[in-house]
């Protein structure tokens, strides 16, 4: 399965919310919050669409990273069930990290549910390290959040 990543637009809101509500059943963001995130000048939201069907939005991810600030935050990431286990989550995260670097950030932070070992493993493979726990952060489930931090690696230039 191949995808194309592009900047999210307000026209993507319905498709984003359909995934949001399926993936985050009990703690999904409201439509109003998501619309505000897409419109935030400090945000960078991407959507992934299938190359063979650009109308099929299969994932999205968002970053808050004011230009020139040293810290950035992954706000959200979700991949539709039908598109999982093909590396899309990794591609979305790598794109957010690259955008954070381009905006001047040297660190990226995120929160991940303590009961989501798959996401924790992905973030660990990308270099994120757990630094704290926020007890009962995810409501109404009362699930802890693990706070993770990535020191953004500097791009290396080598002779070809």
N, C-alpha and C. Protein backbone atom coordinates (compact mmCIF):
# COMPACT_ATOMS: atom_id res chain seq x y z
N UNK A 1 0.85 -1.17 0.00
CA UNK A 1 0.00 0.00 0.00
C UNK A 1 0.90 1.24 0.00
N UNK A 2 0.63 2.16 -0.90
CA UNK A 2 1.40 3.39 -0.95
C UNK A 2 0.47 4.58 -0.73
N UNK A 3 1.07 5.63 -0.15
CA UNK A 3 0.29 6.80 0.20
C UNK A 3 0.98 8.04 -0.31
N UNK A 4 0.22 9.09 -0.29
CA UNK A 4 0.77 10.41 -0.54
C UNK A 4 0.44 11.25 0.69
N UNK A 5 1.43 11.96 1.20
CA UNK A 5 1.21 12.87 2.31
C UNK A 5 1.02 14.27 1.76
N UNK A 6 0.10 15.01 2.37
CA UNK A 6 -0.09 16.41 2.01
C UNK A 6 -0.60 17.15 3.23
N UNK A 7 -0.50 18.48 3.17
CA UNK A 7 -1.02 19.30 4.26
C UNK A 7 -2.52 19.10 4.38
N UNK A 8 -3.00 19.02 5.59
CA UNK A 8 -4.44 18.90 5.84
C UNK A 8 -5.09 20.25 5.58
N UNK A 9 -6.32 20.21 5.12
CA UNK A 9 -7.10 21.43 4.89
C UNK A 9 -8.44 21.27 5.59
N UNK A 10 -9.18 22.36 5.75
CA UNK A 10 -10.52 22.25 6.36
C UNK A 10 -11.43 21.27 5.60
N UNK A 11 -11.20 21.08 4.32
CA UNK A 11 -12.00 20.13 3.54
C UNK A 11 -11.78 18.68 4.00
N UNK A 12 -10.70 18.41 4.73
CA UNK A 12 -10.40 17.07 5.23
C UNK A 12 -11.06 16.77 6.57
N UNK A 13 -11.71 17.75 7.16
CA UNK A 13 -12.21 17.60 8.52
C UNK A 13 -13.15 16.41 8.69
N UNK A 14 -14.09 16.20 7.79
CA UNK A 14 -15.02 15.07 7.93
C UNK A 14 -14.27 13.74 7.95
N UNK A 15 -13.33 13.55 7.03
CA UNK A 15 -12.58 12.29 6.97
C UNK A 15 -11.68 12.12 8.19
N UNK A 16 -11.07 13.21 8.64
CA UNK A 16 -10.24 13.15 9.84
C UNK A 16 -11.09 12.75 11.04
N UNK A 17 -12.25 13.38 11.18
CA UNK A 17 -13.12 13.08 12.32
C UNK A 17 -13.64 11.64 12.28
N UNK A 18 -13.86 11.10 11.09
CA UNK A 18 -14.31 9.70 11.00
C UNK A 18 -13.25 8.77 11.58
N UNK A 19 -11.98 9.03 11.25
CA UNK A 19 -10.89 8.21 11.81
C UNK A 19 -10.73 8.51 13.30
N UNK A 20 -10.75 9.78 13.67
CA UNK A 20 -10.60 10.19 15.08
C UNK A 20 -11.60 9.45 15.98
N UNK A 21 -12.84 9.42 15.56
CA UNK A 21 -13.89 8.81 16.40
C UNK A 21 -13.79 7.30 16.44
N UNK A 22 -13.25 6.67 15.40
CA UNK A 22 -13.07 5.21 15.42
C UNK A 22 -11.84 4.82 16.23
N UNK A 23 -10.75 5.58 16.08
CA UNK A 23 -9.50 5.22 16.74
C UNK A 23 -9.53 5.59 18.23
N UNK A 24 -10.06 6.76 18.54
CA UNK A 24 -10.07 7.25 19.93
C UNK A 24 -11.50 7.25 20.46
N UNK A 25 -12.09 6.09 20.54
CA UNK A 25 -13.51 5.96 20.86
C UNK A 25 -13.94 6.77 22.07
N UNK A 26 -13.23 6.64 23.17
CA UNK A 26 -13.70 7.27 24.41
C UNK A 26 -13.14 8.67 24.65
N UNK A 27 -12.05 9.01 23.97
CA UNK A 27 -11.45 10.32 24.23
C UNK A 27 -11.13 11.09 22.95
N UNK A 28 -11.98 10.92 21.94
CA UNK A 28 -11.79 11.63 20.67
C UNK A 28 -11.93 13.13 20.87
N UNK A 29 -11.17 13.88 20.09
CA UNK A 29 -11.31 15.33 20.09
C UNK A 29 -12.65 15.71 19.47
N UNK A 30 -13.17 16.84 19.88
CA UNK A 30 -14.40 17.34 19.26
C UNK A 30 -14.09 17.89 17.88
N UNK A 31 -15.11 18.01 17.07
CA UNK A 31 -14.97 18.58 15.74
C UNK A 31 -14.44 20.02 15.83
N UNK A 32 -14.90 20.76 16.82
CA UNK A 32 -14.48 22.15 17.00
C UNK A 32 -12.99 22.25 17.33
N UNK A 33 -12.54 21.37 18.22
CA UNK A 33 -11.12 21.38 18.58
C UNK A 33 -10.26 21.01 17.37
N UNK A 34 -10.67 19.99 16.63
CA UNK A 34 -9.89 19.58 15.47
C UNK A 34 -9.87 20.68 14.42
N UNK A 35 -11.00 21.34 14.20
CA UNK A 35 -11.04 22.44 13.22
C UNK A 35 -10.09 23.56 13.64
N UNK A 36 -10.06 23.87 14.93
CA UNK A 36 -9.17 24.92 15.44
C UNK A 36 -7.71 24.51 15.25
N UNK A 37 -7.41 23.24 15.46
CA UNK A 37 -6.04 22.74 15.27
C UNK A 37 -5.61 22.89 13.82
N UNK A 38 -6.48 22.54 12.90
CA UNK A 38 -6.15 22.64 11.48
C UNK A 38 -5.90 24.08 11.05
N UNK A 39 -6.52 25.01 11.77
CA UNK A 39 -6.43 26.43 11.42
C UNK A 39 -5.32 27.16 12.19
N UNK A 40 -4.69 26.51 13.15
CA UNK A 40 -3.69 27.15 14.00
C UNK A 40 -2.40 27.42 13.22
N UNK A 41 -1.94 28.66 13.21
CA UNK A 41 -0.74 29.00 12.44
C UNK A 41 0.52 28.35 12.99
N UNK A 42 0.49 27.89 14.24
CA UNK A 42 1.65 27.21 14.81
C UNK A 42 1.59 25.70 14.59
N UNK A 43 0.52 25.25 13.97
CA UNK A 43 0.35 23.83 13.75
C UNK A 43 0.80 23.40 12.37
N UNK A 44 1.01 22.10 12.26
CA UNK A 44 1.36 21.48 10.97
C UNK A 44 0.65 20.14 10.96
N UNK A 45 -0.42 20.05 10.19
CA UNK A 45 -1.20 18.82 10.11
C UNK A 45 -1.07 18.21 8.73
N UNK A 46 -0.84 16.91 8.72
CA UNK A 46 -0.70 16.15 7.48
C UNK A 46 -1.81 15.13 7.39
N UNK A 47 -2.20 14.81 6.17
CA UNK A 47 -3.07 13.67 5.94
C UNK A 47 -2.37 12.74 4.97
N UNK A 48 -2.72 11.46 5.06
CA UNK A 48 -2.21 10.45 4.14
C UNK A 48 -3.39 9.93 3.34
N UNK A 49 -3.23 9.94 2.03
CA UNK A 49 -4.26 9.41 1.14
C UNK A 49 -3.63 8.31 0.29
N UNK A 50 -4.44 7.37 -0.12
CA UNK A 50 -3.95 6.30 -0.98
C UNK A 50 -3.63 6.87 -2.35
N UNK A 51 -2.49 6.48 -2.90
CA UNK A 51 -2.08 6.96 -4.22
C UNK A 51 -3.09 6.53 -5.28
N UNK A 52 -3.60 5.31 -5.16
CA UNK A 52 -4.55 4.81 -6.16
C UNK A 52 -5.96 5.34 -5.97
N UNK A 53 -6.23 6.02 -4.83
CA UNK A 53 -7.54 6.61 -4.58
C UNK A 53 -7.37 7.81 -3.66
N UNK A 54 -6.99 8.97 -4.21
CA UNK A 54 -6.70 10.15 -3.40
C UNK A 54 -7.88 10.65 -2.55
N UNK A 55 -9.07 10.13 -2.79
CA UNK A 55 -10.20 10.52 -1.95
C UNK A 55 -10.26 9.69 -0.67
N UNK A 56 -9.43 8.65 -0.57
CA UNK A 56 -9.44 7.76 0.60
C UNK A 56 -8.37 8.19 1.60
N UNK A 57 -8.78 9.00 2.55
CA UNK A 57 -7.88 9.48 3.60
C UNK A 57 -7.73 8.35 4.62
N UNK A 58 -6.48 7.90 4.86
CA UNK A 58 -6.25 6.74 5.72
C UNK A 58 -5.45 7.06 6.99
N UNK A 59 -5.03 8.30 7.15
CA UNK A 59 -4.30 8.66 8.36
C UNK A 59 -4.05 10.15 8.42
N UNK A 60 -3.71 10.61 9.61
CA UNK A 60 -3.39 12.02 9.80
C UNK A 60 -2.48 12.15 11.01
N UNK A 61 -1.80 13.28 11.08
CA UNK A 61 -0.93 13.56 12.22
C UNK A 61 -0.78 15.06 12.35
N UNK A 62 -0.59 15.52 13.59
CA UNK A 62 -0.47 16.95 13.81
C UNK A 62 0.64 17.29 14.78
N UNK A 63 1.23 18.45 14.53
CA UNK A 63 2.36 18.96 15.30
C UNK A 63 2.07 20.39 15.68
N UNK A 64 2.44 20.76 16.89
CA UNK A 64 2.43 22.17 17.29
C UNK A 64 3.88 22.57 17.44
N UNK A 65 4.30 23.54 16.61
CA UNK A 65 5.71 23.93 16.59
C UNK A 65 5.83 25.37 16.10
N UNK A 66 5.71 26.33 17.02
CA UNK A 66 5.90 27.72 16.59
C UNK A 66 7.30 27.91 16.02
N UNK A 67 7.40 28.61 14.91
CA UNK A 67 8.69 28.83 14.27
C UNK A 67 9.67 29.51 15.23
N UNK A 68 10.88 28.97 15.28
CA UNK A 68 11.91 29.53 16.13
C UNK A 68 11.91 29.01 17.56
N UNK A 69 10.86 28.31 17.97
CA UNK A 69 10.83 27.72 19.32
C UNK A 69 11.65 26.44 19.33
N UNK A 70 12.28 26.14 20.45
CA UNK A 70 13.15 24.98 20.53
C UNK A 70 12.39 23.68 20.80
N UNK A 71 11.14 23.79 21.25
CA UNK A 71 10.36 22.60 21.57
C UNK A 71 9.12 22.52 20.70
N UNK A 72 8.80 21.30 20.28
CA UNK A 72 7.60 21.03 19.49
C UNK A 72 6.85 19.90 20.17
N UNK A 73 5.55 19.81 19.90
CA UNK A 73 4.71 18.77 20.49
C UNK A 73 3.91 18.06 19.41
N UNK A 74 3.98 16.73 19.42
CA UNK A 74 3.09 15.96 18.57
C UNK A 74 1.72 16.03 19.24
N UNK A 75 0.76 16.56 18.53
CA UNK A 75 -0.59 16.73 19.07
C UNK A 75 -1.41 15.46 18.93
N UNK A 76 -1.30 14.81 17.77
CA UNK A 76 -2.10 13.62 17.50
C UNK A 76 -1.55 12.88 16.31
N UNK A 77 -1.86 11.61 16.25
CA UNK A 77 -1.56 10.78 15.09
C UNK A 77 -2.56 9.63 15.11
N UNK A 78 -3.10 9.32 13.94
CA UNK A 78 -4.03 8.19 13.85
C UNK A 78 -3.97 7.62 12.44
N UNK A 79 -4.07 6.29 12.39
CA UNK A 79 -4.09 5.57 11.12
C UNK A 79 -5.32 4.68 11.14
N UNK A 80 -6.09 4.72 10.05
CA UNK A 80 -7.28 3.87 9.94
C UNK A 80 -6.87 2.40 10.03
N UNK A 81 -7.72 1.61 10.62
CA UNK A 81 -7.44 0.18 10.83
C UNK A 81 -6.99 -0.50 9.53
N UNK A 82 -7.64 -0.20 8.43
CA UNK A 82 -7.34 -0.86 7.15
C UNK A 82 -5.96 -0.52 6.59
N UNK A 83 -5.31 0.51 7.14
CA UNK A 83 -4.01 0.94 6.63
C UNK A 83 -2.88 0.67 7.62
N UNK A 84 -3.16 -0.02 8.70
CA UNK A 84 -2.14 -0.27 9.71
C UNK A 84 -1.20 -1.40 9.30
N UNK A 85 -0.05 -1.41 9.94
CA UNK A 85 0.98 -2.45 9.78
C UNK A 85 1.68 -2.38 8.42
N UNK A 86 1.69 -1.18 7.84
CA UNK A 86 2.39 -0.97 6.58
C UNK A 86 3.41 0.17 6.68
N UNK A 87 3.65 0.69 7.89
CA UNK A 87 4.66 1.73 8.07
C UNK A 87 4.16 3.16 7.96
N UNK A 88 2.85 3.35 7.82
CA UNK A 88 2.33 4.70 7.67
C UNK A 88 2.52 5.54 8.92
N UNK A 89 2.33 4.96 10.10
CA UNK A 89 2.55 5.71 11.34
C UNK A 89 3.97 6.23 11.42
N UNK A 90 4.93 5.40 11.05
CA UNK A 90 6.34 5.79 11.06
C UNK A 90 6.58 6.94 10.08
N UNK A 91 6.02 6.84 8.88
CA UNK A 91 6.20 7.89 7.87
C UNK A 91 5.60 9.21 8.36
N UNK A 92 4.42 9.15 8.94
CA UNK A 92 3.79 10.37 9.47
C UNK A 92 4.66 10.99 10.56
N UNK A 93 5.15 10.16 11.48
CA UNK A 93 5.98 10.69 12.57
C UNK A 93 7.28 11.26 12.04
N UNK A 94 7.92 10.60 11.09
CA UNK A 94 9.16 11.12 10.53
C UNK A 94 8.92 12.46 9.84
N UNK A 95 7.78 12.61 9.21
CA UNK A 95 7.45 13.88 8.56
C UNK A 95 7.25 14.98 9.58
N UNK A 96 6.60 14.66 10.70
CA UNK A 96 6.41 15.67 11.76
C UNK A 96 7.77 16.07 12.36
N UNK A 97 8.62 15.11 12.58
CA UNK A 97 9.95 15.41 13.15
C UNK A 97 10.74 16.30 12.19
N UNK A 98 10.68 16.00 10.91
CA UNK A 98 11.39 16.82 9.91
C UNK A 98 10.83 18.24 9.90
N UNK A 99 9.52 18.39 10.01
CA UNK A 99 8.91 19.72 10.04
C UNK A 99 9.34 20.48 11.29
N UNK A 100 9.36 19.79 12.43
CA UNK A 100 9.80 20.43 13.68
C UNK A 100 11.23 20.95 13.53
N UNK A 101 12.11 20.13 12.94
CA UNK A 101 13.50 20.54 12.71
C UNK A 101 13.53 21.77 11.80
N UNK A 102 12.75 21.74 10.72
CA UNK A 102 12.73 22.86 9.78
C UNK A 102 12.26 24.15 10.44
N UNK A 103 11.42 24.02 11.47
CA UNK A 103 10.90 25.20 12.17
C UNK A 103 11.83 25.66 13.28
N UNK A 104 12.94 24.94 13.50
CA UNK A 104 13.93 25.36 14.48
C UNK A 104 13.90 24.61 15.79
N UNK A 105 13.03 23.62 15.93
CA UNK A 105 12.95 22.86 17.18
C UNK A 105 14.15 21.92 17.31
N UNK A 106 14.56 21.72 18.55
CA UNK A 106 15.62 20.76 18.84
C UNK A 106 15.10 19.56 19.62
N UNK A 107 13.85 19.67 20.12
CA UNK A 107 13.21 18.60 20.87
C UNK A 107 11.76 18.47 20.45
N UNK A 108 11.27 17.22 20.48
CA UNK A 108 9.85 16.96 20.24
C UNK A 108 9.34 16.14 21.42
N UNK A 109 8.17 16.52 21.90
CA UNK A 109 7.53 15.82 23.00
C UNK A 109 6.21 15.23 22.53
N UNK A 110 5.76 14.20 23.23
CA UNK A 110 4.43 13.63 22.98
C UNK A 110 3.96 12.91 24.23
N UNK A 111 2.66 12.65 24.27
CA UNK A 111 2.08 11.80 25.30
C UNK A 111 1.50 10.58 24.58
N UNK A 112 1.64 9.42 25.21
CA UNK A 112 1.10 8.19 24.65
C UNK A 112 0.41 7.42 25.78
N UNK A 113 -0.69 6.80 25.45
CA UNK A 113 -1.41 6.03 26.46
C UNK A 113 -0.53 4.89 26.98
N UNK A 114 -0.57 4.70 28.29
CA UNK A 114 0.21 3.63 28.91
C UNK A 114 -0.26 2.26 28.45
N UNK A 115 -1.50 2.17 27.98
CA UNK A 115 -2.04 0.89 27.51
C UNK A 115 -1.92 0.72 25.99
N UNK A 116 -0.99 1.45 25.36
CA UNK A 116 -0.78 1.35 23.92
C UNK A 116 0.68 0.98 23.63
N UNK A 117 1.05 -0.29 23.86
CA UNK A 117 2.44 -0.68 23.67
C UNK A 117 2.91 -0.58 22.22
N UNK A 118 2.01 -0.73 21.26
CA UNK A 118 2.41 -0.61 19.86
C UNK A 118 2.93 0.78 19.54
N UNK A 119 2.19 1.80 19.98
CA UNK A 119 2.63 3.18 19.74
C UNK A 119 3.92 3.47 20.51
N UNK A 120 4.00 3.00 21.75
CA UNK A 120 5.21 3.22 22.54
C UNK A 120 6.43 2.61 21.84
N UNK A 121 6.25 1.43 21.26
CA UNK A 121 7.35 0.78 20.55
C UNK A 121 7.77 1.58 19.33
N UNK A 122 6.80 2.06 18.55
CA UNK A 122 7.12 2.88 17.38
C UNK A 122 7.91 4.11 17.79
N UNK A 123 7.43 4.81 18.82
CA UNK A 123 8.10 6.03 19.24
C UNK A 123 9.50 5.72 19.75
N UNK A 124 9.66 4.61 20.45
CA UNK A 124 10.98 4.20 20.91
C UNK A 124 11.93 3.93 19.75
N UNK A 125 11.44 3.27 18.70
CA UNK A 125 12.27 3.00 17.53
C UNK A 125 12.68 4.29 16.82
N UNK A 126 11.88 5.34 16.97
CA UNK A 126 12.21 6.62 16.35
C UNK A 126 13.12 7.47 17.23
N UNK A 127 13.45 6.97 18.43
CA UNK A 127 14.38 7.67 19.30
C UNK A 127 13.77 8.39 20.48
N UNK A 128 12.45 8.32 20.63
CA UNK A 128 11.80 8.95 21.77
C UNK A 128 12.11 8.15 23.03
N UNK A 129 12.29 8.87 24.14
CA UNK A 129 12.55 8.23 25.43
C UNK A 129 11.50 8.67 26.43
N UNK A 130 11.01 7.74 27.26
CA UNK A 130 10.04 8.13 28.29
C UNK A 130 10.71 9.00 29.35
N UNK A 131 10.03 10.09 29.73
CA UNK A 131 10.62 10.99 30.72
C UNK A 131 9.71 11.25 31.92
N UNK A 132 8.42 10.92 31.80
CA UNK A 132 7.50 11.19 32.90
C UNK A 132 6.20 10.43 32.67
N UNK A 133 5.40 10.41 33.72
CA UNK A 133 4.06 9.81 33.63
C UNK A 133 3.06 10.84 34.14
N UNK A 134 1.97 11.00 33.42
CA UNK A 134 0.86 11.85 33.85
C UNK A 134 -0.28 10.92 34.27
N UNK A 135 -0.47 10.76 35.58
CA UNK A 135 -1.49 9.83 36.06
C UNK A 135 -2.89 10.23 35.59
N UNK A 136 -3.62 9.21 35.12
CA UNK A 136 -5.04 9.36 34.74
C UNK A 136 -5.28 10.49 33.75
N UNK A 137 -4.34 10.70 32.85
CA UNK A 137 -4.39 11.79 31.88
C UNK A 137 -5.53 11.61 30.88
N UNK A 138 -5.70 10.39 30.40
CA UNK A 138 -6.72 10.12 29.39
C UNK A 138 -8.05 9.83 30.07
N UNK A 139 -9.00 10.71 29.82
CA UNK A 139 -10.33 10.58 30.42
C UNK A 139 -11.36 10.35 29.32
N UNK A 140 -12.40 9.63 29.60
CA UNK A 140 -12.88 9.19 30.91
C UNK A 140 -12.30 7.87 31.39
N UNK A 141 -11.34 7.30 30.66
CA UNK A 141 -10.82 5.97 30.99
C UNK A 141 -9.89 5.95 32.21
N UNK A 142 -9.33 7.11 32.57
CA UNK A 142 -8.40 7.15 33.69
C UNK A 142 -7.07 6.47 33.40
N UNK A 143 -6.65 6.46 32.13
CA UNK A 143 -5.40 5.81 31.73
C UNK A 143 -4.26 6.82 31.82
N UNK A 144 -3.13 6.36 32.35
CA UNK A 144 -1.94 7.21 32.45
C UNK A 144 -1.39 7.55 31.07
N UNK A 145 -0.74 8.71 30.99
CA UNK A 145 0.00 9.09 29.80
C UNK A 145 1.48 8.97 30.10
N UNK A 146 2.21 8.40 29.18
CA UNK A 146 3.66 8.39 29.27
C UNK A 146 4.15 9.55 28.41
N UNK A 147 4.89 10.45 29.02
CA UNK A 147 5.46 11.58 28.29
C UNK A 147 6.80 11.12 27.72
N UNK A 148 6.97 11.37 26.42
CA UNK A 148 8.21 10.95 25.75
C UNK A 148 8.85 12.16 25.08
N UNK A 149 10.17 12.10 24.98
CA UNK A 149 10.96 13.20 24.42
C UNK A 149 11.95 12.66 23.39
N UNK A 150 12.09 13.42 22.32
CA UNK A 150 13.08 13.12 21.29
C UNK A 150 13.98 14.33 21.13
N UNK A 151 15.27 14.13 21.25
CA UNK A 151 16.22 15.17 20.86
C UNK A 151 16.40 14.99 19.36
N UNK A 152 16.00 15.99 18.59
CA UNK A 152 16.00 15.85 17.14
C UNK A 152 17.44 15.71 16.65
N UNK A 153 17.72 14.62 15.97
CA UNK A 153 19.08 14.47 15.45
C UNK A 153 19.36 15.49 14.35
N UNK A 154 20.55 16.01 14.36
CA UNK A 154 20.95 16.94 13.30
C UNK A 154 21.18 16.14 12.03
N UNK A 155 20.77 16.71 10.90
CA UNK A 155 21.03 16.00 9.64
C UNK A 155 22.53 15.87 9.40
N UNK A 156 22.94 14.72 8.94
CA UNK A 156 24.35 14.48 8.65
C UNK A 156 24.59 14.61 7.16
N UNK A 157 25.63 15.35 6.83
CA UNK A 157 26.02 15.51 5.44
C UNK A 157 27.26 14.65 5.21
N UNK A 158 27.17 13.79 4.22
CA UNK A 158 28.32 12.94 3.91
C UNK A 158 28.64 13.06 2.43
N UNK A 159 29.81 12.64 2.09
CA UNK A 159 30.24 12.63 0.70
C UNK A 159 29.65 11.37 0.06
N UNK A 160 29.04 11.54 -1.08
CA UNK A 160 28.42 10.40 -1.76
C UNK A 160 29.47 9.50 -2.39
